Full PDB file with SEQRES, HELIX, SHEET, SSBOND, CRYST1, ORIGX, SCALE, CONECT and MASTER records, all heavy atoms in Angstrom:
SEQRES   1 A   37  ARG ALA ARG ASP PRO VAL LEU ASP ARG ASP VAL ALA LEU          
SEQRES   2 A   37  THR LEU PHE ASN THR ARG ASP GLU THR GLU HIS GLN GLN          
SEQRES   3 A   37  LEU LEU ASP GLU GLY ARG ARG LEU SER ARG ILE                  
HELIX    1 AA1 GLU A   21  SER A   35  1                                  15    
SHEET    1 AA1 2 ALA A   2  ASP A   4  0                                        
SHEET    2 AA1 2 ARG A   9  VAL A  11 -1                                        
CRYST1    1.000    1.000    1.000  90.00  90.00  90.00 P 1           1          
ORIGX1      1.000000  0.000000  0.000000        0.00000                         
ORIGX2      0.000000  1.000000  0.000000        0.00000                         
ORIGX3      0.000000  0.000000  1.000000        0.00000                         
SCALE1      1.000000  0.000000  0.000000        0.00000                         
SCALE2      0.000000  1.000000  0.000000        0.00000                         
SCALE3      0.000000  0.000000  1.000000        0.00000                         
ATOM      1  N   ARG A   1     -49.157 -95.005 -28.879  1.00  0.00           N  
ATOM      2  CA  ARG A   1     -49.713 -93.855 -29.585  1.00  0.00           C  
ATOM      3  C   ARG A   1     -49.655 -92.707 -28.596  1.00  0.00           C  
ATOM      4  O   ARG A   1     -50.006 -92.869 -27.421  1.00  0.00           O  
ATOM      5  CB  ARG A   1     -51.157 -94.153 -29.974  1.00  0.00           C  
ATOM      6  CG  ARG A   1     -51.817 -93.054 -30.727  1.00  0.00           C  
ATOM      7  CD  ARG A   1     -53.202 -93.526 -31.216  1.00  0.00           C  
ATOM      8  NE  ARG A   1     -53.948 -92.383 -31.653  1.00  0.00           N  
ATOM      9  CZ  ARG A   1     -55.111 -91.997 -31.140  1.00  0.00           C  
ATOM     10  NH1 ARG A   1     -55.677 -92.703 -30.186  1.00  0.00           N  
ATOM     11  NH2 ARG A   1     -55.705 -90.922 -31.579  1.00  0.00           N  
ATOM     12  N   ALA A   2     -49.166 -91.553 -29.059  1.00  0.00           N  
ATOM     13  CA  ALA A   2     -48.998 -90.415 -28.154  1.00  0.00           C  
ATOM     14  C   ALA A   2     -49.396 -89.123 -28.856  1.00  0.00           C  
ATOM     15  O   ALA A   2     -49.518 -89.076 -30.078  1.00  0.00           O  
ATOM     16  CB  ALA A   2     -47.543 -90.336 -27.695  1.00  0.00           C  
ATOM     17  N   ARG A   3     -49.580 -88.098 -28.058  1.00  0.00           N  
ATOM     18  CA  ARG A   3     -49.902 -86.766 -28.581  1.00  0.00           C  
ATOM     19  C   ARG A   3     -48.703 -85.868 -28.348  1.00  0.00           C  
ATOM     20  O   ARG A   3     -48.245 -85.685 -27.215  1.00  0.00           O  
ATOM     21  CB  ARG A   3     -51.124 -86.195 -27.864  1.00  0.00           C  
ATOM     22  CG  ARG A   3     -51.588 -84.872 -28.409  1.00  0.00           C  
ATOM     23  CD  ARG A   3     -52.298 -85.067 -29.717  1.00  0.00           C  
ATOM     24  NE  ARG A   3     -52.705 -83.787 -30.281  1.00  0.00           N  
ATOM     25  CZ  ARG A   3     -53.215 -83.663 -31.470  1.00  0.00           C  
ATOM     26  NH1 ARG A   3     -53.399 -84.718 -32.226  1.00  0.00           N  
ATOM     27  NH2 ARG A   3     -53.549 -82.491 -31.925  1.00  0.00           N  
ATOM     28  N   ASP A   4     -48.173 -85.308 -29.446  1.00  0.00           N  
ATOM     29  CA  ASP A   4     -47.048 -84.380 -29.362  1.00  0.00           C  
ATOM     30  C   ASP A   4     -47.621 -82.966 -29.293  1.00  0.00           C  
ATOM     31  O   ASP A   4     -48.203 -82.483 -30.269  1.00  0.00           O  
ATOM     32  CB  ASP A   4     -46.152 -84.534 -30.586  1.00  0.00           C  
ATOM     33  CG  ASP A   4     -44.896 -83.689 -30.502  1.00  0.00           C  
ATOM     34  OD1 ASP A   4     -44.935 -82.600 -29.903  1.00  0.00           O  
ATOM     35  OD2 ASP A   4     -43.867 -84.122 -31.045  1.00  0.00           O  
ATOM     36  N   PRO A   5     -47.482 -82.288 -28.147  1.00  0.00           N  
ATOM     37  CA  PRO A   5     -48.059 -80.949 -28.023  1.00  0.00           C  
ATOM     38  C   PRO A   5     -47.342 -79.898 -28.866  1.00  0.00           C  
ATOM     39  O   PRO A   5     -47.945 -78.897 -29.244  1.00  0.00           O  
ATOM     40  CB  PRO A   5     -47.928 -80.639 -26.528  1.00  0.00           C  
ATOM     41  CG  PRO A   5     -46.800 -81.489 -26.069  1.00  0.00           C  
ATOM     42  CD  PRO A   5     -46.825 -82.724 -26.925  1.00  0.00           C  
ATOM     43  N   VAL A   6     -46.087 -80.124 -29.182  1.00  0.00           N  
ATOM     44  CA  VAL A   6     -45.336 -79.172 -30.000  1.00  0.00           C  
ATOM     45  C   VAL A   6     -45.803 -79.249 -31.454  1.00  0.00           C  
ATOM     46  O   VAL A   6     -46.051 -78.231 -32.098  1.00  0.00           O  
ATOM     47  CB  VAL A   6     -43.817 -79.433 -29.903  1.00  0.00           C  
ATOM     48  CG1 VAL A   6     -43.051 -78.525 -30.843  1.00  0.00           C  
ATOM     49  CG2 VAL A   6     -43.341 -79.253 -28.474  1.00  0.00           C  
ATOM     50  N   LEU A   7     -45.940 -80.470 -31.979  1.00  0.00           N  
ATOM     51  CA  LEU A   7     -46.389 -80.663 -33.359  1.00  0.00           C  
ATOM     52  C   LEU A   7     -47.912 -80.618 -33.470  1.00  0.00           C  
ATOM     53  O   LEU A   7     -48.452 -80.531 -34.566  1.00  0.00           O  
ATOM     54  CB  LEU A   7     -45.881 -82.000 -33.899  1.00  0.00           C  
ATOM     55  CG  LEU A   7     -44.368 -82.166 -33.957  1.00  0.00           C  
ATOM     56  CD1 LEU A   7     -44.010 -83.577 -34.415  1.00  0.00           C  
ATOM     57  CD2 LEU A   7     -43.741 -81.133 -34.873  1.00  0.00           C  
ATOM     58  N   ASP A   8     -48.614 -80.698 -32.323  1.00  0.00           N  
ATOM     59  CA  ASP A   8     -50.074 -80.703 -32.262  1.00  0.00           C  
ATOM     60  C   ASP A   8     -50.675 -81.805 -33.129  1.00  0.00           C  
ATOM     61  O   ASP A   8     -51.556 -81.566 -33.947  1.00  0.00           O  
ATOM     62  CB  ASP A   8     -50.635 -79.334 -32.656  1.00  0.00           C  
ATOM     63  CG  ASP A   8     -52.109 -79.210 -32.304  1.00  0.00           C  
ATOM     64  OD1 ASP A   8     -52.546 -79.848 -31.329  1.00  0.00           O  
ATOM     65  OD2 ASP A   8     -52.832 -78.497 -33.029  1.00  0.00           O  
ATOM     66  N   ARG A   9     -50.147 -83.037 -32.926  1.00  0.00           N  
ATOM     67  CA  ARG A   9     -50.681 -84.180 -33.662  1.00  0.00           C  
ATOM     68  C   ARG A   9     -50.315 -85.473 -32.952  1.00  0.00           C  
ATOM     69  O   ARG A   9     -49.424 -85.505 -32.106  1.00  0.00           O  
ATOM     70  CB  ARG A   9     -50.168 -84.206 -35.095  1.00  0.00           C  
ATOM     71  CG  ARG A   9     -48.680 -84.408 -35.227  1.00  0.00           C  
ATOM     72  CD  ARG A   9     -48.304 -84.458 -36.685  1.00  0.00           C  
ATOM     73  NE  ARG A   9     -46.864 -84.539 -36.821  1.00  0.00           N  
ATOM     74  CZ  ARG A   9     -46.240 -84.500 -37.953  1.00  0.00           C  
ATOM     75  NH1 ARG A   9     -46.914 -84.373 -39.070  1.00  0.00           N  
ATOM     76  NH2 ARG A   9     -44.936 -84.587 -37.999  1.00  0.00           N  
ATOM     77  N   ASP A  10     -51.042 -86.530 -33.328  1.00  0.00           N  
ATOM     78  CA  ASP A  10     -50.745 -87.853 -32.792  1.00  0.00           C  
ATOM     79  C   ASP A  10     -49.507 -88.407 -33.479  1.00  0.00           C  
ATOM     80  O   ASP A  10     -49.303 -88.194 -34.680  1.00  0.00           O  
ATOM     81  CB  ASP A  10     -51.921 -88.802 -33.011  1.00  0.00           C  
ATOM     82  CG  ASP A  10     -53.121 -88.452 -32.143  1.00  0.00           C  
ATOM     83  OD1 ASP A  10     -53.003 -87.549 -31.298  1.00  0.00           O  
ATOM     84  OD2 ASP A  10     -54.162 -89.092 -32.316  1.00  0.00           O  
ATOM     85  N   VAL A  11     -48.699 -89.118 -32.705  1.00  0.00           N  
ATOM     86  CA  VAL A  11     -47.459 -89.700 -33.215  1.00  0.00           C  
ATOM     87  C   VAL A  11     -47.299 -91.117 -32.664  1.00  0.00           C  
ATOM     88  O   VAL A  11     -47.958 -91.494 -31.692  1.00  0.00           O  
ATOM     89  CB  VAL A  11     -46.221 -88.857 -32.820  1.00  0.00           C  
ATOM     90  CG1 VAL A  11     -46.279 -87.470 -33.439  1.00  0.00           C  
ATOM     91  CG2 VAL A  11     -46.087 -88.759 -31.309  1.00  0.00           C  
ATOM     92  N   ALA A  12     -46.430 -91.888 -33.285  1.00  0.00           N  
ATOM     93  CA  ALA A  12     -46.023 -93.182 -32.748  1.00  0.00           C  
ATOM     94  C   ALA A  12     -44.807 -92.938 -31.869  1.00  0.00           C  
ATOM     95  O   ALA A  12     -43.883 -92.232 -32.263  1.00  0.00           O  
ATOM     96  CB  ALA A  12     -45.685 -94.142 -33.880  1.00  0.00           C  
ATOM     97  N   LEU A  13     -44.815 -93.527 -30.681  1.00  0.00           N  
ATOM     98  CA  LEU A  13     -43.732 -93.327 -29.724  1.00  0.00           C  
ATOM     99  C   LEU A  13     -43.111 -94.672 -29.398  1.00  0.00           C  
ATOM    100  O   LEU A  13     -43.823 -95.627 -29.092  1.00  0.00           O  
ATOM    101  CB  LEU A  13     -44.281 -92.685 -28.448  1.00  0.00           C  
ATOM    102  CG  LEU A  13     -43.315 -92.491 -27.288  1.00  0.00           C  
ATOM    103  CD1 LEU A  13     -42.254 -91.449 -27.652  1.00  0.00           C  
ATOM    104  CD2 LEU A  13     -44.070 -92.075 -26.032  1.00  0.00           C  
ATOM    105  N   THR A  14     -41.788 -94.752 -29.497  1.00  0.00           N  
ATOM    106  CA  THR A  14     -41.062 -95.962 -29.126  1.00  0.00           C  
ATOM    107  C   THR A  14     -40.173 -95.637 -27.939  1.00  0.00           C  
ATOM    108  O   THR A  14     -39.384 -94.699 -27.997  1.00  0.00           O  
ATOM    109  CB  THR A  14     -40.184 -96.460 -30.290  1.00  0.00           C  
ATOM    110  OG1 THR A  14     -41.000 -96.653 -31.441  1.00  0.00           O  
ATOM    111  CG2 THR A  14     -39.510 -97.766 -29.938  1.00  0.00           C  
ATOM    112  N   LEU A  15     -40.311 -96.404 -26.863  1.00  0.00           N  
ATOM    113  CA  LEU A  15     -39.456 -96.267 -25.689  1.00  0.00           C  
ATOM    114  C   LEU A  15     -38.604 -97.527 -25.586  1.00  0.00           C  
ATOM    115  O   LEU A  15     -39.137 -98.640 -25.546  1.00  0.00           O  
ATOM    116  CB  LEU A  15     -40.290 -96.098 -24.416  1.00  0.00           C  
ATOM    117  CG  LEU A  15     -41.136 -94.838 -24.342  1.00  0.00           C  
ATOM    118  CD1 LEU A  15     -42.033 -94.864 -23.117  1.00  0.00           C  
ATOM    119  CD2 LEU A  15     -40.254 -93.609 -24.322  1.00  0.00           C  
ATOM    120  N   PHE A  16     -37.298 -97.347 -25.560  1.00  0.00           N  
ATOM    121  CA  PHE A  16     -36.374 -98.482 -25.522  1.00  0.00           C  
ATOM    122  C   PHE A  16     -36.071 -98.875 -24.084  1.00  0.00           C  
ATOM    123  O   PHE A  16     -35.850 -98.020 -23.232  1.00  0.00           O  
ATOM    124  CB  PHE A  16     -35.085 -98.143 -26.276  1.00  0.00           C  
ATOM    125  CG  PHE A  16     -35.318 -97.985 -27.751  1.00  0.00           C  
ATOM    126  CD1 PHE A  16     -35.539 -96.735 -28.299  1.00  0.00           C  
ATOM    127  CD2 PHE A  16     -35.343 -99.081 -28.589  1.00  0.00           C  
ATOM    128  CE1 PHE A  16     -35.776 -96.577 -29.650  1.00  0.00           C  
ATOM    129  CE2 PHE A  16     -35.576 -98.942 -29.941  1.00  0.00           C  
ATOM    130  CZ  PHE A  16     -35.793 -97.682 -30.472  1.00  0.00           C  
ATOM    131  N   ASN A  17     -36.059-100.167 -23.818  1.00  0.00           N  
ATOM    132  CA  ASN A  17     -35.838-100.712 -22.477  1.00  0.00           C  
ATOM    133  C   ASN A  17     -34.357-100.973 -22.243  1.00  0.00           C  
ATOM    134  O   ASN A  17     -33.902-102.104 -22.298  1.00  0.00           O  
ATOM    135  CB  ASN A  17     -36.624-102.020 -22.304  1.00  0.00           C  
ATOM    136  CG  ASN A  17     -38.103-101.831 -22.491  1.00  0.00           C  
ATOM    137  OD1 ASN A  17     -38.647-100.805 -22.108  1.00  0.00           O  
ATOM    138  ND2 ASN A  17     -38.756-102.804 -23.079  1.00  0.00           N  
ATOM    139  N   THR A  18     -33.608 -99.935 -22.001  1.00  0.00           N  
ATOM    140  CA  THR A  18     -32.187-100.084 -21.690  1.00  0.00           C  
ATOM    141  C   THR A  18     -31.769 -98.992 -20.722  1.00  0.00           C  
ATOM    142  O   THR A  18     -32.285 -97.882 -20.771  1.00  0.00           O  
ATOM    143  CB  THR A  18     -31.309-100.042 -22.944  1.00  0.00           C  
ATOM    144  OG1 THR A  18     -29.945-100.181 -22.546  1.00  0.00           O  
ATOM    145  CG2 THR A  18     -31.465 -98.751 -23.718  1.00  0.00           C  
ATOM    146  N   ARG A  19     -30.861 -99.318 -19.852  1.00  0.00           N  
ATOM    147  CA  ARG A  19     -30.302 -98.333 -18.915  1.00  0.00           C  
ATOM    148  C   ARG A  19     -28.820 -98.097 -19.195  1.00  0.00           C  
ATOM    149  O   ARG A  19     -28.180 -97.338 -18.504  1.00  0.00           O  
ATOM    150  CB  ARG A  19     -30.486 -98.812 -17.467  1.00  0.00           C  
ATOM    151  CG  ARG A  19     -31.930 -98.965 -17.054  1.00  0.00           C  
ATOM    152  CD  ARG A  19     -32.565 -97.618 -16.882  1.00  0.00           C  
ATOM    153  NE  ARG A  19     -33.964 -97.749 -16.484  1.00  0.00           N  
ATOM    154  CZ  ARG A  19     -34.832 -96.783 -16.616  1.00  0.00           C  
ATOM    155  NH1 ARG A  19     -34.474 -95.636 -17.109  1.00  0.00           N  
ATOM    156  NH2 ARG A  19     -36.070 -96.944 -16.245  1.00  0.00           N  
ATOM    157  N   ASP A  20     -28.288 -98.727 -20.224  1.00  0.00           N  
ATOM    158  CA  ASP A  20     -26.874 -98.622 -20.577  1.00  0.00           C  
ATOM    159  C   ASP A  20     -26.611 -97.298 -21.306  1.00  0.00           C  
ATOM    160  O   ASP A  20     -27.210 -97.031 -22.349  1.00  0.00           O  
ATOM    161  CB  ASP A  20     -26.486 -99.813 -21.466  1.00  0.00           C  
ATOM    162  CG  ASP A  20     -25.042 -99.787 -21.852  1.00  0.00           C  
ATOM    163  OD1 ASP A  20     -24.209-100.295 -21.073  1.00  0.00           O  
ATOM    164  OD2 ASP A  20     -24.737 -99.253 -22.944  1.00  0.00           O  
ATOM    165  N   GLU A  21     -25.729 -96.458 -20.764  1.00  0.00           N  
ATOM    166  CA  GLU A  21     -25.441 -95.142 -21.340  1.00  0.00           C  
ATOM    167  C   GLU A  21     -24.860 -95.237 -22.752  1.00  0.00           C  
ATOM    168  O   GLU A  21     -25.165 -94.402 -23.609  1.00  0.00           O  
ATOM    169  CB  GLU A  21     -24.495 -94.352 -20.435  1.00  0.00           C  
ATOM    170  CG  GLU A  21     -25.129 -93.909 -19.136  1.00  0.00           C  
ATOM    171  CD  GLU A  21     -26.306 -92.955 -19.351  1.00  0.00           C  
ATOM    172  OE1 GLU A  21     -26.237 -92.105 -20.257  1.00  0.00           O  
ATOM    173  OE2 GLU A  21     -27.288 -93.082 -18.609  1.00  0.00           O  
ATOM    174  N   THR A  22     -24.030 -96.236 -23.009  1.00  0.00           N  
ATOM    175  CA  THR A  22     -23.466 -96.409 -24.354  1.00  0.00           C  
ATOM    176  C   THR A  22     -24.571 -96.730 -25.354  1.00  0.00           C  
ATOM    177  O   THR A  22     -24.613 -96.176 -26.453  1.00  0.00           O  
ATOM    178  CB  THR A  22     -22.412 -97.536 -24.355  1.00  0.00           C  
ATOM    179  OG1 THR A  22     -21.395 -97.205 -23.416  1.00  0.00           O  
ATOM    180  CG2 THR A  22     -21.805 -97.730 -25.729  1.00  0.00           C  
ATOM    181  N   GLU A  23     -25.492 -97.591 -24.956  1.00  0.00           N  
ATOM    182  CA  GLU A  23     -26.616 -97.932 -25.835  1.00  0.00           C  
ATOM    183  C   GLU A  23     -27.538 -96.730 -26.028  1.00  0.00           C  
ATOM    184  O   GLU A  23     -28.074 -96.525 -27.120  1.00  0.00           O  
ATOM    185  CB  GLU A  23     -27.386 -99.118 -25.269  1.00  0.00           C  
ATOM    186  CG  GLU A  23     -28.313 -99.731 -26.291  1.00  0.00           C  
ATOM    187  CD  GLU A  23     -28.878-101.065 -25.847  1.00  0.00           C  
ATOM    188  OE1 GLU A  23     -28.500-101.588 -24.789  1.00  0.00           O  
ATOM    189  OE2 GLU A  23     -29.721-101.581 -26.600  1.00  0.00           O  
ATOM    190  N   HIS A  24     -27.705 -95.921 -24.987  1.00  0.00           N  
ATOM    191  CA  HIS A  24     -28.493 -94.680 -25.127  1.00  0.00           C  
ATOM    192  C   HIS A  24     -27.912 -93.822 -26.245  1.00  0.00           C  
ATOM    193  O   HIS A  24     -28.642 -93.331 -27.105  1.00  0.00           O  
ATOM    194  CB  HIS A  24     -28.475 -93.874 -23.832  1.00  0.00           C  
ATOM    195  CG  HIS A  24     -29.413 -94.381 -22.796  1.00  0.00           C  
ATOM    196  ND1 HIS A  24     -29.662 -93.684 -21.654  1.00  0.00           N  
ATOM    197  CD2 HIS A  24     -30.154 -95.511 -22.709  1.00  0.00           C  
ATOM    198  CE1 HIS A  24     -30.522 -94.360 -20.899  1.00  0.00           C  
ATOM    199  NE2 HIS A  24     -30.825 -95.467 -21.518  1.00  0.00           N  
ATOM    200  N   GLN A  25     -26.597 -93.622 -26.210  1.00  0.00           N  
ATOM    201  CA  GLN A  25     -25.951 -92.781 -27.214  1.00  0.00           C  
ATOM    202  C   GLN A  25     -26.092 -93.383 -28.613  1.00  0.00           C  
ATOM    203  O   GLN A  25     -26.339 -92.663 -29.579  1.00  0.00           O  
ATOM    204  CB  GLN A  25     -24.471 -92.564 -26.874  1.00  0.00           C  
ATOM    205  CG  GLN A  25     -23.825 -91.487 -27.703  1.00  0.00           C  
ATOM    206  CD  GLN A  25     -24.537 -90.147 -27.579  1.00  0.00           C  
ATOM    207  OE1 GLN A  25     -24.805 -89.679 -26.484  1.00  0.00           O  
ATOM    208  NE2 GLN A  25     -24.864 -89.529 -28.692  1.00  0.00           N  
ATOM    209  N   GLN A  26     -25.969 -94.694 -28.718  1.00  0.00           N  
ATOM    210  CA  GLN A  26     -26.125 -95.354 -30.020  1.00  0.00           C  
ATOM    211  C   GLN A  26     -27.545 -95.179 -30.559  1.00  0.00           C  
ATOM    212  O   GLN A  26     -27.733 -94.917 -31.749  1.00  0.00           O  
ATOM    213  CB  GLN A  26     -25.792 -96.844 -29.904  1.00  0.00           C  
ATOM    214  CG  GLN A  26     -24.328 -97.116 -29.666  1.00  0.00           C  
ATOM    215  CD  GLN A  26     -24.042 -98.570 -29.325  1.00  0.00           C  
ATOM    216  OE1 GLN A  26     -24.940 -99.335 -28.958  1.00  0.00           O  
ATOM    217  NE2 GLN A  26     -22.779 -98.954 -29.442  1.00  0.00           N  
ATOM    218  N   LEU A  27     -28.541 -95.301 -29.686  1.00  0.00           N  
ATOM    219  CA  LEU A  27     -29.932 -95.125 -30.115  1.00  0.00           C  
ATOM    220  C   LEU A  27     -30.202 -93.681 -30.536  1.00  0.00           C  
ATOM    221  O   LEU A  27     -30.894 -93.434 -31.527  1.00  0.00           O  
ATOM    222  CB  LEU A  27     -30.880 -95.542 -28.995  1.00  0.00           C  
ATOM    223  CG  LEU A  27     -30.951 -97.041 -28.715  1.00  0.00           C  
ATOM    224  CD1 LEU A  27     -31.644 -97.298 -27.379  1.00  0.00           C  
ATOM    225  CD2 LEU A  27     -31.657 -97.772 -29.843  1.00  0.00           C  
ATOM    226  N   LEU A  28     -29.668 -92.721 -29.803  1.00  0.00           N  
ATOM    227  CA  LEU A  28     -29.842 -91.313 -30.177  1.00  0.00           C  
ATOM    228  C   LEU A  28     -29.150 -91.007 -31.503  1.00  0.00           C  
ATOM    229  O   LEU A  28     -29.698 -90.284 -32.344  1.00  0.00           O  
ATOM    230  CB  LEU A  28     -29.320 -90.400 -29.070  1.00  0.00           C  
ATOM    231  CG  LEU A  28     -30.129 -90.417 -27.775  1.00  0.00           C  
ATOM    232  CD1 LEU A  28     -29.403 -89.636 -26.690  1.00  0.00           C  
ATOM    233  CD2 LEU A  28     -31.525 -89.882 -27.997  1.00  0.00           C  
ATOM    234  N   ASP A  29     -27.962 -91.560 -31.715  1.00  0.00           N  
ATOM    235  CA  ASP A  29     -27.255 -91.384 -32.990  1.00  0.00           C  
ATOM    236  C   ASP A  29     -28.062 -91.979 -34.135  1.00  0.00           C  
ATOM    237  O   ASP A  29     -28.171 -91.379 -35.205  1.00  0.00           O  
ATOM    238  CB  ASP A  29     -25.865 -92.029 -32.941  1.00  0.00           C  
ATOM    239  CG  ASP A  29     -24.891 -91.294 -32.034  1.00  0.00           C  
ATOM    240  OD1 ASP A  29     -25.167 -90.125 -31.684  1.00  0.00           O  
ATOM    241  OD2 ASP A  29     -23.858 -91.894 -31.677  1.00  0.00           O  
ATOM    242  N   GLU A  30     -28.638 -93.165 -33.908  1.00  0.00           N  
ATOM    243  CA  GLU A  30     -29.458 -93.797 -34.945  1.00  0.00           C  
ATOM    244  C   GLU A  30     -30.695 -92.954 -35.243  1.00  0.00           C  
ATOM    245  O   GLU A  30     -31.072 -92.780 -36.402  1.00  0.00           O  
ATOM    246  CB  GLU A  30     -29.878 -95.197 -34.504  1.00  0.00           C  
ATOM    247  CG  GLU A  30     -30.699 -95.919 -35.550  1.00  0.00           C  
ATOM    248  CD  GLU A  30     -31.054 -97.332 -35.155  1.00  0.00           C  
ATOM    249  OE1 GLU A  30     -30.565 -97.826 -34.115  1.00  0.00           O  
ATOM    250  OE2 GLU A  30     -31.826 -97.953 -35.886  1.00  0.00           O  
ATOM    251  N   GLY A  31     -31.308 -92.385 -34.215  1.00  0.00           N  
ATOM    252  CA  GLY A  31     -32.453 -91.510 -34.413  1.00  0.00           C  
ATOM    253  C   GLY A  31     -32.104 -90.297 -35.257  1.00  0.00           C  
ATOM    254  O   GLY A  31     -32.869 -89.895 -36.132  1.00  0.00           O  
ATOM    255  N   ARG A  32     -30.926 -89.721 -35.029  1.00  0.00           N  
ATOM    256  CA  ARG A  32     -30.488 -88.568 -35.834  1.00  0.00           C  
ATOM    257  C   ARG A  32     -30.307 -88.959 -37.297  1.00  0.00           C  
ATOM    258  O   ARG A  32     -30.706 -88.225 -38.206  1.00  0.00           O  
ATOM    259  CB  ARG A  32     -29.179 -88.007 -35.283  1.00  0.00           C  
ATOM    260  CG  ARG A  32     -29.359 -87.197 -34.037  1.00  0.00           C  
ATOM    261  CD  ARG A  32     -28.041 -86.536 -33.596  1.00  0.00           C  
ATOM    262  NE  ARG A  32     -28.107 -86.291 -32.186  1.00  0.00           N  
ATOM    263  CZ  ARG A  32     -27.612 -87.073 -31.236  1.00  0.00           C  
ATOM    264  NH1 ARG A  32     -26.959 -88.169 -31.552  1.00  0.00           N  
ATOM    265  NH2 ARG A  32     -27.739 -86.766 -29.966  1.00  0.00           N  
ATOM    266  N   ARG A  33     -29.679 -90.120 -37.521  1.00  0.00           N  
ATOM    267  CA  ARG A  33     -29.485 -90.579 -38.905  1.00  0.00           C  
ATOM    268  C   ARG A  33     -30.823 -90.861 -39.583  1.00  0.00           C  
ATOM    269  O   ARG A  33     -31.050 -90.457 -40.722  1.00  0.00           O  
ATOM    270  CB  ARG A  33     -28.602 -91.823 -38.929  1.00  0.00           C  
ATOM    271  CG  ARG A  33     -27.136 -91.547 -38.620  1.00  0.00           C  
ATOM    272  CD  ARG A  33     -26.257 -92.760 -38.880  1.00  0.00           C  
ATOM    273  NE  ARG A  33     -26.614 -93.915 -38.076  1.00  0.00           N  
ATOM    274  CZ  ARG A  33     -26.181 -94.156 -36.842  1.00  0.00           C  
ATOM    275  NH1 ARG A  33     -25.353 -93.307 -36.251  1.00  0.00           N  
ATOM    276  NH2 ARG A  33     -26.554 -95.232 -36.183  1.00  0.00           N  
ATOM    277  N   LEU A  34     -31.723 -91.542 -38.883  1.00  0.00           N  
ATOM    278  CA  LEU A  34     -33.022 -91.873 -39.462  1.00  0.00           C  
ATOM    279  C   LEU A  34     -33.869 -90.630 -39.731  1.00  0.00           C  
ATOM    280  O   LEU A  34     -34.674 -90.618 -40.665  1.00  0.00           O  
ATOM    281  CB  LEU A  34     -33.777 -92.823 -38.534  1.00  0.00           C  
ATOM    282  CG  LEU A  34     -33.217 -94.237 -38.416  1.00  0.00           C  
ATOM    283  CD1 LEU A  34     -33.941 -95.003 -37.316  1.00  0.00           C  
ATOM    284  CD2 LEU A  34     -33.322 -94.979 -39.737  1.00  0.00           C  
ATOM    285  N   SER A  35     -33.691 -89.585 -38.951  1.00  0.00           N  
ATOM    286  CA  SER A  35     -34.491 -88.365 -39.146  1.00  0.00           C  
ATOM    287  C   SER A  35     -34.170 -87.659 -40.460  1.00  0.00           C  
ATOM    288  O   SER A  35     -34.958 -86.848 -40.926  1.00  0.00           O  
ATOM    289  CB  SER A  35     -34.298 -87.405 -37.978  1.00  0.00           C  
ATOM    290  OG  SER A  35     -33.009 -86.817 -38.016  1.00  0.00           O  
ATOM    291  N   ARG A  36     -33.045 -87.985 -41.067  1.00  0.00           N  
ATOM    292  CA  ARG A  36     -32.662 -87.350 -42.340  1.00  0.00           C  
ATOM    293  C   ARG A  36     -33.234 -88.076 -43.560  1.00  0.00           C  
ATOM    294  O   ARG A  36     -33.163 -87.572 -44.667  1.00  0.00           O  
ATOM    295  CB  ARG A  36     -31.146 -87.275 -42.446  1.00  0.00           C  
ATOM    296  CG  ARG A  36     -30.533 -86.324 -41.426  1.00  0.00           C  
ATOM    297  CD  ARG A  36     -29.073 -86.054 -41.695  1.00  0.00           C  
ATOM    298  NE  ARG A  36     -28.224 -87.189 -41.381  1.00  0.00           N  
ATOM    299  CZ  ARG A  36     -27.579 -87.374 -40.232  1.00  0.00           C  
ATOM    300  NH1 ARG A  36     -27.711 -86.496 -39.267  1.00  0.00           N  
ATOM    301  NH2 ARG A  36     -26.812 -88.415 -40.041  1.00  0.00           N  
ATOM    302  N   ILE A  37     -33.807 -89.262 -43.349  1.00  0.00           N  
ATOM    303  CA  ILE A  37     -34.349 -90.032 -44.469  1.00  0.00           C  
ATOM    304  C   ILE A  37     -35.716 -89.495 -44.860  1.00  0.00           C  
ATOM    305  O   ILE A  37     -36.589 -89.293 -44.015  1.00  0.00           O  
ATOM    306  CB  ILE A  37     -34.459 -91.530 -44.093  1.00  0.00           C  
ATOM    307  CG1 ILE A  37     -33.072 -92.102 -43.840  1.00  0.00           C  
ATOM    308  CG2 ILE A  37     -35.194 -92.302 -45.182  1.00  0.00           C  
ATOM    309  CD1 ILE A  37     -33.084 -93.520 -43.327  1.00  0.00           C  
TER     310      ILE A  37                                                      
MASTER        0    0    0    1    2    0    0    6  309    1    0    3          
END                                                                             
């Protein structure tokens, strides 16, 4: 549980345990797709 100062509200925060740059890009791409739903 985290506080987003920009949105001024509590949010759920997920941090992924990976150091692989390819996986980073895949997770960011998935986040962009999910944000449109």
